């Protein structure tokens, strides 16, 4: 039973990763692609690691998967934010049909 739950979690994780990869190809600009990759990593890879933890039970492999999960959930949003901010400051333009530029509004307020 535990293996079935673990494999189901892993399958859902692979589906999220596949949808994230399609988003990386289909979305129009860097900022949208960054969001797709963050969702892909945060949800897909986390589900795969959770499935690994369920299958492994209480073992060193499960502890390693948990540490990787924590590392990914802390580091991934931080790096995505840094990449988006550096890209914006570096002059990468938003998609031409973008409606709102909140970062510019925040800079103008300062």
PDB file of N, CA and C in Angstrom:
ATOM      1  N   UNK A   1       0.824  -1.206   0.000  1.00  0.00           N
ATOM      2  CA  UNK A   1       0.000   0.000   0.000  1.00  0.00           C
ATOM      3  C   UNK A   1       0.859   1.257   0.000  1.00  0.00           C
ATOM      4  N   UNK A   2       1.925   1.210   0.815  1.00  0.00           N
ATOM      5  CA  UNK A   2       2.813   2.373   0.902  1.00  0.00           C
ATOM      6  C   UNK A   2       3.484   2.656  -0.444  1.00  0.00           C
ATOM      7  N   UNK A   3       3.847   1.592  -1.160  1.00  0.00           N
ATOM      8  CA  UNK A   3       4.487   1.768  -2.464  1.00  0.00           C
ATOM      9  C   UNK A   3       3.528   2.407  -3.462  1.00  0.00           C
ATOM     10  N   UNK A   4       2.260   2.017  -3.402  1.00  0.00           N
ATOM     11  CA  UNK A   4       1.271   2.589  -4.326  1.00  0.00           C
ATOM     12  C   UNK A   4       1.094   4.083  -4.092  1.00  0.00           C
ATOM     13  N   UNK A   5       1.030   4.484  -2.834  1.00  0.00           N
ATOM     14  CA  UNK A   5       0.895   5.910  -2.509  1.00  0.00           C
ATOM     15  C   UNK A   5       2.142   6.666  -2.962  1.00  0.00           C
ATOM     16  N   UNK A   6       3.312   6.076  -2.712  1.00  0.00           N
ATOM     17  CA  UNK A   6       4.560   6.709  -3.133  1.00  0.00           C
ATOM     18  C   UNK A   6       4.650   6.870  -4.642  1.00  0.00           C
ATOM     19  N   UNK A   7       4.272   5.808  -5.373  1.00  0.00           N
ATOM     20  CA  UNK A   7       4.315   5.896  -6.831  1.00  0.00           C
ATOM     21  C   UNK A   7       3.284   6.889  -7.364  1.00  0.00           C
ATOM     22  N   UNK A   8       2.119   6.982  -6.708  1.00  0.00           N
ATOM     23  CA  UNK A   8       1.105   7.963  -7.129  1.00  0.00           C
ATOM     24  C   UNK A   8       1.646   9.380  -6.941  1.00  0.00           C
ATOM     25  N   UNK A   9       2.282   9.637  -5.792  1.00  0.00           N
ATOM     26  CA  UNK A   9       2.885  10.956  -5.573  1.00  0.00           C
ATOM     27  C   UNK A   9       3.952  11.252  -6.618  1.00  0.00           C
ATOM     28  N   UNK A  10       4.760  10.259  -6.921  1.00  0.00           N
ATOM     29  CA  UNK A  10       5.809  10.459  -7.929  1.00  0.00           C
ATOM     30  C   UNK A  10       5.210  10.716  -9.313  1.00  0.00           C
ATOM     31  N   UNK A  11       4.135  10.021  -9.650  1.00  0.00           N
ATOM     32  CA  UNK A  11       3.489  10.240 -10.952  1.00  0.00           C
ATOM     33  C   UNK A  11       2.915  11.651 -11.046  1.00  0.00           C
ATOM     34  N   UNK A  12       2.260  12.108  -9.975  1.00  0.00           N
ATOM     35  CA  UNK A  12       1.751  13.480  -9.974  1.00  0.00           C
ATOM     36  C   UNK A  12       2.908  14.480 -10.095  1.00  0.00           C
ATOM     37  N   UNK A  13       4.023  14.187  -9.446  1.00  0.00           N
ATOM     38  CA  UNK A  13       5.195  15.057  -9.555  1.00  0.00           C
ATOM     39  C   UNK A  13       5.738  15.119 -10.971  1.00  0.00           C
ATOM     40  N   UNK A  14       5.785  13.983 -11.634  1.00  0.00           N
ATOM     41  CA  UNK A  14       6.259  13.955 -13.019  1.00  0.00           C
ATOM     42  C   UNK A  14       5.299  14.729 -13.924  1.00  0.00           C
ATOM     43  N   UNK A  15       3.995  14.620 -13.655  1.00  0.00           N
ATOM     44  CA  UNK A  15       3.013  15.371 -14.451  1.00  0.00           C
ATOM     45  C   UNK A  15       3.220  16.871 -14.257  1.00  0.00           C
ATOM     46  N   UNK A  16       3.422  17.313 -13.006  1.00  0.00           N
ATOM     47  CA  UNK A  16       3.682  18.735 -12.764  1.00  0.00           C
ATOM     48  C   UNK A  16       4.966  19.179 -13.462  1.00  0.00           C
ATOM     49  N   UNK A  17       5.994  18.353 -13.410  1.00  0.00           N
ATOM     50  CA  UNK A  17       7.242  18.708 -14.089  1.00  0.00           C
ATOM     51  C   UNK A  17       7.040  18.809 -15.598  1.00  0.00           C
ATOM     52  N   UNK A  18       6.264  17.888 -16.171  1.00  0.00           N
ATOM     53  CA  UNK A  18       6.008  17.928 -17.620  1.00  0.00           C
ATOM     54  C   UNK A  18       5.234  19.180 -18.009  1.00  0.00           C
ATOM     55  N   UNK A  19       4.229  19.542 -17.204  1.00  0.00           N
ATOM     56  CA  UNK A  19       3.463  20.760 -17.482  1.00  0.00           C
ATOM     57  C   UNK A  19       4.369  21.986 -17.351  1.00  0.00           C
ATOM     58  N   UNK A  20       5.261  21.973 -16.373  1.00  0.00           N
ATOM     59  CA  UNK A  20       6.215  23.076 -16.227  1.00  0.00           C
ATOM     60  C   UNK A  20       7.147  23.191 -17.418  1.00  0.00           C
ATOM     61  N   UNK A  21       7.563  22.058 -17.969  1.00  0.00           N
ATOM     62  CA  UNK A  21       8.423  22.084 -19.161  1.00  0.00           C
ATOM     63  C   UNK A  21       7.674  22.645 -20.368  1.00  0.00           C
ATOM     64  N   UNK A  22       6.408  22.291 -20.502  1.00  0.00           N
ATOM     65  CA  UNK A  22       5.597  22.857 -21.587  1.00  0.00           C
ATOM     66  C   UNK A  22       5.470  24.362 -21.387  1.00  0.00           C
ATOM     67  N   UNK A  23       5.291  24.790 -20.129  1.00  0.00           N
ATOM     68  CA  UNK A  23       5.209  26.219 -19.836  1.00  0.00           C
ATOM     69  C   UNK A  23       6.490  26.948 -20.198  1.00  0.00           C
ATOM     70  N   UNK A  24       7.631  26.313 -19.976  1.00  0.00           N
ATOM     71  CA  UNK A  24       8.900  26.937 -20.348  1.00  0.00           C
ATOM     72  C   UNK A  24       9.015  27.154 -21.849  1.00  0.00           C
ATOM     73  N   UNK A  25       8.403  26.281 -22.598  1.00  0.00           N
ATOM     74  CA  UNK A  25       8.460  26.409 -24.058  1.00  0.00           C
ATOM     75  C   UNK A  25       7.416  27.397 -24.566  1.00  0.00           C
ATOM     76  N   UNK A  26       6.220  27.353 -24.005  1.00  0.00           N
ATOM     77  CA  UNK A  26       5.095  28.093 -24.562  1.00  0.00           C
ATOM     78  C   UNK A  26       4.923  29.530 -24.067  1.00  0.00           C
ATOM     79  N   UNK A  27       5.398  29.834 -22.879  1.00  0.00           N
ATOM     80  CA  UNK A  27       5.148  31.165 -22.319  1.00  0.00           C
ATOM     81  C   UNK A  27       5.990  32.226 -23.019  1.00  0.00           C
ATOM     82  N   UNK A  28       5.494  33.474 -23.071  1.00  0.00           N
ATOM     83  CA  UNK A  28       6.067  34.478 -23.961  1.00  0.00           C
ATOM     84  C   UNK A  28       7.350  35.159 -23.500  1.00  0.00           C
ATOM     85  N   UNK A  29       7.552  35.348 -22.204  1.00  0.00           N
ATOM     86  CA  UNK A  29       8.740  36.102 -21.806  1.00  0.00           C
ATOM     87  C   UNK A  29       9.422  35.447 -20.609  1.00  0.00           C
ATOM     88  N   UNK A  30      10.559  36.022 -20.262  1.00  0.00           N
ATOM     89  CA  UNK A  30      11.406  35.476 -19.211  1.00  0.00           C
ATOM     90  C   UNK A  30      10.677  35.374 -17.878  1.00  0.00           C
ATOM     91  N   UNK A  31       9.915  36.369 -17.537  1.00  0.00           N
ATOM     92  CA  UNK A  31       9.277  36.425 -16.228  1.00  0.00           C
ATOM     93  C   UNK A  31       8.195  35.357 -16.085  1.00  0.00           C
ATOM     94  N   UNK A  32       7.423  35.154 -17.122  1.00  0.00           N
ATOM     95  CA  UNK A  32       6.422  34.081 -17.103  1.00  0.00           C
ATOM     96  C   UNK A  32       7.098  32.715 -17.072  1.00  0.00           C
ATOM     97  N   UNK A  33       8.178  32.573 -17.791  1.00  0.00           N
ATOM     98  CA  UNK A  33       8.905  31.304 -17.785  1.00  0.00           C
ATOM     99  C   UNK A  33       9.526  31.025 -16.426  1.00  0.00           C
ATOM    100  N   UNK A  34      10.005  32.065 -15.763  1.00  0.00           N
ATOM    101  CA  UNK A  34      10.537  31.874 -14.416  1.00  0.00           C
ATOM    102  C   UNK A  34       9.448  31.374 -13.474  1.00  0.00           C
ATOM    103  N   UNK A  35       8.257  31.918 -13.602  1.00  0.00           N
ATOM    104  CA  UNK A  35       7.165  31.465 -12.742  1.00  0.00           C
ATOM    105  C   UNK A  35       6.811  30.016 -13.034  1.00  0.00           C
ATOM    106  N   UNK A  36       6.793  29.645 -14.308  1.00  0.00           N
ATOM    107  CA  UNK A  36       6.489  28.255 -14.661  1.00  0.00           C
ATOM    108  C   UNK A  36       7.550  27.316 -14.096  1.00  0.00           C
ATOM    109  N   UNK A  37       8.797  27.718 -14.179  1.00  0.00           N
ATOM    110  CA  UNK A  37       9.855  26.848 -13.658  1.00  0.00           C
ATOM    111  C   UNK A  37       9.785  26.745 -12.143  1.00  0.00           C
ATOM    112  N   UNK A  38       9.420  27.822 -11.464  1.00  0.00           N
ATOM    113  CA  UNK A  38       9.289  27.770 -10.008  1.00  0.00           C
ATOM    114  C   UNK A  38       8.158  26.832  -9.605  1.00  0.00           C
ATOM    115  N   UNK A  39       7.029  26.918 -10.271  1.00  0.00           N
ATOM    116  CA  UNK A  39       5.921  26.022  -9.951  1.00  0.00           C
ATOM    117  C   UNK A  39       6.298  24.578 -10.238  1.00  0.00           C
ATOM    118  N   UNK A  40       7.017  24.384 -11.322  1.00  0.00           N
ATOM    119  CA  UNK A  40       7.459  23.054 -11.705  1.00  0.00           C
ATOM    120  C   UNK A  40       8.360  22.471 -10.621  1.00  0.00           C
ATOM    121  N   UNK A  41       9.337  23.221 -10.187  1.00  0.00           N
ATOM    122  CA  UNK A  41      10.273  22.729  -9.180  1.00  0.00           C
ATOM    123  C   UNK A  41       9.594  22.581  -7.832  1.00  0.00           C
ATOM    124  N   UNK A  42       8.852  23.589  -7.435  1.00  0.00           N
ATOM    125  CA  UNK A  42       8.254  23.563  -6.106  1.00  0.00           C
ATOM    126  C   UNK A  42       7.242  22.426  -5.965  1.00  0.00           C
ATOM    127  N   UNK A  43       6.386  22.248  -6.927  1.00  0.00           N
ATOM    128  CA  UNK A  43       5.348  21.230  -6.791  1.00  0.00           C
ATOM    129  C   UNK A  43       5.808  19.875  -7.316  1.00  0.00           C
ATOM    130  N   UNK A  44       6.336  19.848  -8.532  1.00  0.00           N
ATOM    131  CA  UNK A  44       6.696  18.578  -9.148  1.00  0.00           C
ATOM    132  C   UNK A  44       7.808  17.849  -8.426  1.00  0.00           C
ATOM    133  N   UNK A  45       8.912  18.527  -8.225  1.00  0.00           N
ATOM    134  CA  UNK A  45      10.051  17.888  -7.580  1.00  0.00           C
ATOM    135  C   UNK A  45       9.747  17.581  -6.121  1.00  0.00           C
ATOM    136  N   UNK A  46       8.973  18.428  -5.472  1.00  0.00           N
ATOM    137  CA  UNK A  46       8.592  18.163  -4.087  1.00  0.00           C
ATOM    138  C   UNK A  46       7.738  16.897  -3.985  1.00  0.00           C
ATOM    139  N   UNK A  47       6.808  16.717  -4.918  1.00  0.00           N
ATOM    140  CA  UNK A  47       5.989  15.505  -4.901  1.00  0.00           C
ATOM    141  C   UNK A  47       6.827  14.260  -5.180  1.00  0.00           C
ATOM    142  N   UNK A  48       7.788  14.372  -6.071  1.00  0.00           N
ATOM    143  CA  UNK A  48       8.666  13.236  -6.338  1.00  0.00           C
ATOM    144  C   UNK A  48       9.471  12.878  -5.091  1.00  0.00           C
ATOM    145  N   UNK A  49       9.987  13.886  -4.404  1.00  0.00           N
ATOM    146  CA  UNK A  49      10.734  13.619  -3.179  1.00  0.00           C
ATOM    147  C   UNK A  49       9.835  13.085  -2.070  1.00  0.00           C
ATOM    148  N   UNK A  50       8.606  13.585  -1.972  1.00  0.00           N
ATOM    149  CA  UNK A  50       7.665  13.041  -0.995  1.00  0.00           C
ATOM    150  C   UNK A  50       7.344  11.581  -1.297  1.00  0.00           C
ATOM    151  N   UNK A  51       7.164  11.253  -2.559  1.00  0.00           N
ATOM    152  CA  UNK A  51       6.934   9.860  -2.942  1.00  0.00           C
ATOM    153  C   UNK A  51       8.107   8.977  -2.574  1.00  0.00           C
ATOM    154  N   UNK A  52       9.306   9.496  -2.758  1.00  0.00           N
ATOM    155  CA  UNK A  52      10.503   8.754  -2.366  1.00  0.00           C
ATOM    156  C   UNK A  52      10.522   8.520  -0.862  1.00  0.00           C
ATOM    157  N   UNK A  53      10.145   9.542  -0.101  1.00  0.00           N
ATOM    158  CA  UNK A  53      10.111   9.404   1.351  1.00  0.00           C
ATOM    159  C   UNK A  53       9.075   8.370   1.788  1.00  0.00           C
ATOM    160  N   UNK A  54       7.918   8.364   1.141  1.00  0.00           N
ATOM    161  CA  UNK A  54       6.871   7.401   1.496  1.00  0.00           C
ATOM    162  C   UNK A  54       7.326   5.983   1.186  1.00  0.00           C
ATOM    163  N   UNK A  55       7.939   5.789   0.030  1.00  0.00           N
ATOM    164  CA  UNK A  55       8.386   4.451  -0.351  1.00  0.00           C
ATOM    165  C   UNK A  55       9.522   3.977   0.550  1.00  0.00           C
ATOM    166  N   UNK A  56      10.453   4.869   0.872  1.00  0.00           N
ATOM    167  CA  UNK A  56      11.631   4.478   1.657  1.00  0.00           C
ATOM    168  C   UNK A  56      11.305   4.250   3.128  1.00  0.00           C
ATOM    169  N   UNK A  57      10.222   4.839   3.622  1.00  0.00           N
ATOM    170  CA  UNK A  57       9.910   4.694   5.040  1.00  0.00           C
ATOM    171  C   UNK A  57      10.919   5.456   5.893  1.00  0.00           C
ATOM    172  N   UNK A  58      11.134   4.987   7.110  1.00  0.00           N
ATOM    173  CA  UNK A  58      12.130   5.616   7.982  1.00  0.00           C
ATOM    174  C   UNK A  58      13.497   5.019   7.683  1.00  0.00           C
ATOM    175  N   UNK A  59      14.247   5.733   6.866  1.00  0.00           N
ATOM    176  CA  UNK A  59      15.567   5.250   6.460  1.00  0.00           C
ATOM    177  C   UNK A  59      16.459   6.448   6.157  1.00  0.00           C
ATOM    178  N   UNK A  60      17.752   6.202   5.980  1.00  0.00           N
ATOM    179  CA  UNK A  60      18.636   7.309   5.594  1.00  0.00           C
ATOM    180  C   UNK A  60      18.237   7.941   4.258  1.00  0.00           C
ATOM    181  N   UNK A  61      17.708   7.149   3.337  1.00  0.00           N
ATOM    182  CA  UNK A  61      17.255   7.690   2.053  1.00  0.00           C
ATOM    183  C   UNK A  61      16.115   8.686   2.262  1.00  0.00           C
ATOM    184  N   UNK A  62      15.201   8.356   3.141  1.00  0.00           N
ATOM    185  CA  UNK A  62      14.095   9.258   3.444  1.00  0.00           C
ATOM    186  C   UNK A  62      14.589  10.553   4.077  1.00  0.00           C
ATOM    187  N   UNK A  63      15.578  10.449   4.958  1.00  0.00           N
ATOM    188  CA  UNK A  63      16.154  11.655   5.576  1.00  0.00           C
ATOM    189  C   UNK A  63      16.825  12.536   4.518  1.00  0.00           C
ATOM    190  N   UNK A  64      17.540  11.917   3.592  1.00  0.00           N
ATOM    191  CA  UNK A  64      18.187  12.685   2.522  1.00  0.00           C
ATOM    192  C   UNK A  64      17.157  13.350   1.615  1.00  0.00           C
ATOM    193  N   UNK A  65      16.084  12.629   1.310  1.00  0.00           N
ATOM    194  CA  UNK A  65      15.022  13.204   0.477  1.00  0.00           C
ATOM    195  C   UNK A  65      14.369  14.383   1.192  1.00  0.00           C
ATOM    196  N   UNK A  66      14.184  14.270   2.504  1.00  0.00           N
ATOM    197  CA  UNK A  66      13.598  15.369   3.275  1.00  0.00           C
ATOM    198  C   UNK A  66      14.510  16.586   3.271  1.00  0.00           C
ATOM    199  N   UNK A  67      15.810  16.375   3.440  1.00  0.00           N
ATOM    200  CA  UNK A  67      16.756  17.498   3.404  1.00  0.00           C
ATOM    201  C   UNK A  67      16.781  18.151   2.019  1.00  0.00           C
ATOM    202  N   UNK A  68      16.733  17.346   0.977  1.00  0.00           N
ATOM    203  CA  UNK A  68      16.676  17.901  -0.383  1.00  0.00           C
ATOM    204  C   UNK A  68      15.398  18.700  -0.583  1.00  0.00           C
ATOM    205  N   UNK A  69      14.288  18.199  -0.053  1.00  0.00           N
ATOM    206  CA  UNK A  69      13.011  18.902  -0.151  1.00  0.00           C
ATOM    207  C   UNK A  69      13.079  20.258   0.541  1.00  0.00           C
ATOM    208  N   UNK A  70      13.618  20.294   1.744  1.00  0.00           N
ATOM    209  CA  UNK A  70      13.765  21.567   2.451  1.00  0.00           C
ATOM    210  C   UNK A  70      14.672  22.524   1.685  1.00  0.00           C
ATOM    211  N   UNK A  71      15.780  22.005   1.184  1.00  0.00           N
ATOM    212  CA  UNK A  71      16.720  22.830   0.430  1.00  0.00           C
ATOM    213  C   UNK A  71      16.054  23.419  -0.807  1.00  0.00           C
ATOM    214  N   UNK A  72      15.312  22.611  -1.533  1.00  0.00           N
ATOM    215  CA  UNK A  72      14.641  23.077  -2.750  1.00  0.00           C
ATOM    216  C   UNK A  72      13.587  24.129  -2.427  1.00  0.00           C
ATOM    217  N   UNK A  73      12.801  23.900  -1.369  1.00  0.00           N
ATOM    218  CA  UNK A  73      11.740  24.842  -1.028  1.00  0.00           C
ATOM    219  C   UNK A  73      12.275  26.168  -0.501  1.00  0.00           C
ATOM    220  N   UNK A  74      13.486  26.183   0.020  1.00  0.00           N
ATOM    221  CA  UNK A  74      14.081  27.434   0.497  1.00  0.00           C
ATOM    222  C   UNK A  74      14.848  28.139  -0.620  1.00  0.00           C
ATOM    223  N   UNK A  75      15.641  27.406  -1.355  1.00  0.00           N
ATOM    224  CA  UNK A  75      16.547  28.002  -2.339  1.00  0.00           C
ATOM    225  C   UNK A  75      15.846  28.390  -3.639  1.00  0.00           C
ATOM    226  N   UNK A  76      14.903  27.578  -4.098  1.00  0.00           N
ATOM    227  CA  UNK A  76      14.281  27.830  -5.397  1.00  0.00           C
ATOM    228  C   UNK A  76      13.573  29.181  -5.479  1.00  0.00           C
ATOM    229  N   UNK A  77      12.696  29.549  -4.553  1.00  0.00           N
ATOM    230  CA  UNK A  77      12.064  30.875  -4.655  1.00  0.00           C
ATOM    231  C   UNK A  77      13.065  32.018  -4.531  1.00  0.00           C
ATOM    232  N   UNK A  78      14.089  31.814  -3.723  1.00  0.00           N
ATOM    233  CA  UNK A  78      15.101  32.850  -3.553  1.00  0.00           C
ATOM    234  C   UNK A  78      15.868  33.099  -4.845  1.00  0.00           C
ATOM    235  N   UNK A  79      16.273  32.031  -5.505  1.00  0.00           N
ATOM    236  CA  UNK A  79      17.006  32.194  -6.759  1.00  0.00           C
ATOM    237  C   UNK A  79      16.119  32.740  -7.867  1.00  0.00           C
ATOM    238  N   UNK A  80      14.864  32.308  -7.907  1.00  0.00           N
ATOM    239  CA  UNK A  80      13.938  32.832  -8.913  1.00  0.00           C
ATOM    240  C   UNK A  80      13.745  34.337  -8.735  1.00  0.00           C
ATOM    241  N   UNK A  81      13.611  34.775  -7.497  1.00  0.00           N
ATOM    242  CA  UNK A  81      13.454  36.204  -7.223  1.00  0.00           C
ATOM    243  C   UNK A  81      14.707  36.968  -7.644  1.00  0.00           C
ATOM    244  N   UNK A  82      15.865  36.428  -7.309  1.00  0.00           N
ATOM    245  CA  UNK A  82      17.112  37.100  -7.676  1.00  0.00           C
ATOM    246  C   UNK A  82      17.280  37.176  -9.195  1.00  0.00           C
ATOM    247  N   UNK A  83      16.941  36.102  -9.891  1.00  0.00           N
ATOM    248  CA  UNK A  83      17.033  36.114 -11.357  1.00  0.00           C
ATOM    249  C   UNK A  83      16.069  37.121 -11.977  1.00  0.00           C
ATOM    250  N   UNK A  84      14.843  37.155 -11.479  1.00  0.00           N
ATOM    251  CA  UNK A  84      13.846  38.088 -12.028  1.00  0.00           C
ATOM    252  C   UNK A  84      14.262  39.533 -11.758  1.00  0.00           C
ATOM    253  N   UNK A  85      14.716  39.808 -10.559  1.00  0.00           N
ATOM    254  CA  UNK A  85      15.118  41.170 -10.213  1.00  0.00           C
ATOM    255  C   UNK A  85      16.329  41.619 -11.030  1.00  0.00           C
ATOM    256  N   UNK A  86      17.318  40.746 -11.152  1.00  0.00           N
ATOM    257  CA  UNK A  86      18.510  41.082 -11.939  1.00  0.00           C
ATOM    258  C   UNK A  86      18.162  41.263 -13.412  1.00  0.00           C
ATOM    259  N   UNK A  87      17.256  40.448 -13.918  1.00  0.00           N
ATOM    260  CA  UNK A  87      16.841  40.590 -15.314  1.00  0.00           C
ATOM    261  C   UNK A  87      16.120  41.906 -15.539  1.00  0.00           C
ATOM    262  N   UNK A  88      15.258  42.280 -14.604  1.00  0.00           N
ATOM    263  CA  UNK A  88      14.515  43.534 -14.743  1.00  0.00           C
ATOM    264  C   UNK A  88      15.468  44.722 -14.687  1.00  0.00           C
ATOM    265  N   UNK A  89      16.359  44.707 -13.726  1.00  0.00           N
ATOM    266  CA  UNK A  89      17.327  45.807 -13.598  1.00  0.00           C
ATOM    267  C   UNK A  89      18.274  45.826 -14.794  1.00  0.00           C
ATOM    268  N   UNK A  90      18.580  44.650 -15.333  1.00  0.00           N
ATOM    269  CA  UNK A  90      19.451  44.557 -16.491  1.00  0.00           C
ATOM    270  C   UNK A  90      18.806  44.979 -17.797  1.00  0.00           C
ATOM    271  N   UNK A  91      17.489  45.192 -17.779  1.00  0.00           N
ATOM    272  CA  UNK A  91      16.835  45.723 -18.973  1.00  0.00           C
ATOM    273  C   UNK A  91      16.034  44.727 -19.787  1.00  0.00           C
ATOM    274  N   UNK A  92      15.797  43.525 -19.278  1.00  0.00           N
ATOM    275  CA  UNK A  92      14.963  42.576 -20.007  1.00  0.00           C
ATOM    276  C   UNK A  92      13.520  43.071 -19.950  1.00  0.00           C
ATOM    277  N   UNK A  93      12.927  43.269 -21.092  1.00  0.00           N
ATOM    278  CA  UNK A  93      11.591  43.858 -21.192  1.00  0.00           C
ATOM    279  C   UNK A  93      10.509  42.833 -20.870  1.00  0.00           C
ATOM    280  N   UNK A  94       9.395  43.340 -20.354  1.00  0.00           N
ATOM    281  CA  UNK A  94       8.212  42.519 -20.164  1.00  0.00           C
ATOM    282  C   UNK A  94       7.600  42.196 -21.520  1.00  0.00           C
ATOM    283  N   UNK A  95       6.729  41.209 -21.539  1.00  0.00           N
ATOM    284  CA  UNK A  95       5.998  40.870 -22.744  1.00  0.00           C
ATOM    285  C   UNK A  95       5.178  42.079 -23.164  1.00  0.00           C
ATOM    286  N   UNK A  96       5.066  42.333 -24.459  1.00  0.00           N
ATOM    287  CA  UNK A  96       4.406  43.549 -24.944  1.00  0.00           C
ATOM    288  C   UNK A  96       2.938  43.634 -24.550  1.00  0.00           C
ATOM    289  N   UNK A  97       2.291  42.505 -24.246  1.00  0.00           N
ATOM    290  CA  UNK A  97       0.887  42.527 -23.837  1.00  0.00           C
ATOM    291  C   UNK A  97       0.722  42.500 -22.313  1.00  0.00           C
ATOM    292  N   UNK A  98       1.816  42.687 -21.587  1.00  0.00           N
ATOM    293  CA  UNK A  98       1.719  42.739 -20.123  1.00  0.00           C
ATOM    294  C   UNK A  98       0.930  43.963 -19.710  1.00  0.00           C
ATOM    295  N   UNK A  99       0.109  43.816 -18.692  1.00  0.00           N
ATOM    296  CA  UNK A  99      -0.793  44.876 -18.283  1.00  0.00           C
ATOM    297  C   UNK A  99      -0.217  45.681 -17.118  1.00  0.00           C
ATOM    298  N   UNK A 100       0.404  45.021 -16.157  1.00  0.00           N
ATOM    299  CA  UNK A 100       0.838  45.678 -14.933  1.00  0.00           C
ATOM    300  C   UNK A 100       2.334  45.442 -14.734  1.00  0.00           C
ATOM    301  N   UNK A 101       3.017  46.479 -14.291  1.00  0.00           N
ATOM    302  CA  UNK A 101       4.430  46.384 -13.936  1.00  0.00           C
ATOM    303  C   UNK A 101       4.576  46.876 -12.492  1.00  0.00           C
ATOM    304  N   UNK A 102       4.355  45.993 -11.546  1.00  0.00           N
ATOM    305  CA  UNK A 102       4.363  46.363 -10.134  1.00  0.00           C
ATOM    306  C   UNK A 102       5.745  46.802  -9.666  1.00  0.00           C
ATOM    307  N   UNK A 103       6.789  46.188 -10.193  1.00  0.00           N
ATOM    308  CA  UNK A 103       8.135  46.549  -9.763  1.00  0.00           C
ATOM    309  C   UNK A 103       8.446  48.003 -10.127  1.00  0.00           C
ATOM    310  N   UNK A 104       8.035  48.416 -11.324  1.00  0.00           N
ATOM    311  CA  UNK A 104       8.248  49.795 -11.731  1.00  0.00           C
ATOM    312  C   UNK A 104       7.451  50.750 -10.840  1.00  0.00           C
ATOM    313  N   UNK A 105       6.217  50.361 -10.501  1.00  0.00           N
ATOM    314  CA  UNK A 105       5.407  51.188  -9.604  1.00  0.00           C
ATOM    315  C   UNK A 105       6.080  51.325  -8.242  1.00  0.00           C
ATOM    316  N   UNK A 106       6.656  50.249  -7.739  1.00  0.00           N
ATOM    317  CA  UNK A 106       7.349  50.312  -6.450  1.00  0.00           C
ATOM    318  C   UNK A 106       8.593  51.182  -6.511  1.00  0.00           C
ATOM    319  N   UNK A 107       9.312  51.115  -7.629  1.00  0.00           N
ATOM    320  CA  UNK A 107      10.503  51.953  -7.791  1.00  0.00           C
ATOM    321  C   UNK A 107      10.101  53.414  -7.891  1.00  0.00           C
ATOM    322  N   UNK A 108       9.027  53.715  -8.608  1.00  0.00           N
ATOM    323  CA  UNK A 108       8.565  55.093  -8.766  1.00  0.00           C
ATOM    324  C   UNK A 108       8.117  55.697  -7.440  1.00  0.00           C
ATOM    325  N   UNK A 109       7.564  54.891  -6.543  1.00  0.00           N
ATOM    326  CA  UNK A 109       7.121  55.368  -5.243  1.00  0.00           C
ATOM    327  C   UNK A 109       8.305  55.779  -4.355  1.00  0.00           C
ATOM    328  N   UNK A 110       9.411  55.073  -4.524  1.00  0.00           N
ATOM    329  CA  UNK A 110      10.586  55.322  -3.668  1.00  0.00           C
ATOM    330  C   UNK A 110      11.267  56.625  -3.957  1.00  0.00           C
TER     331      UNK A 110
END
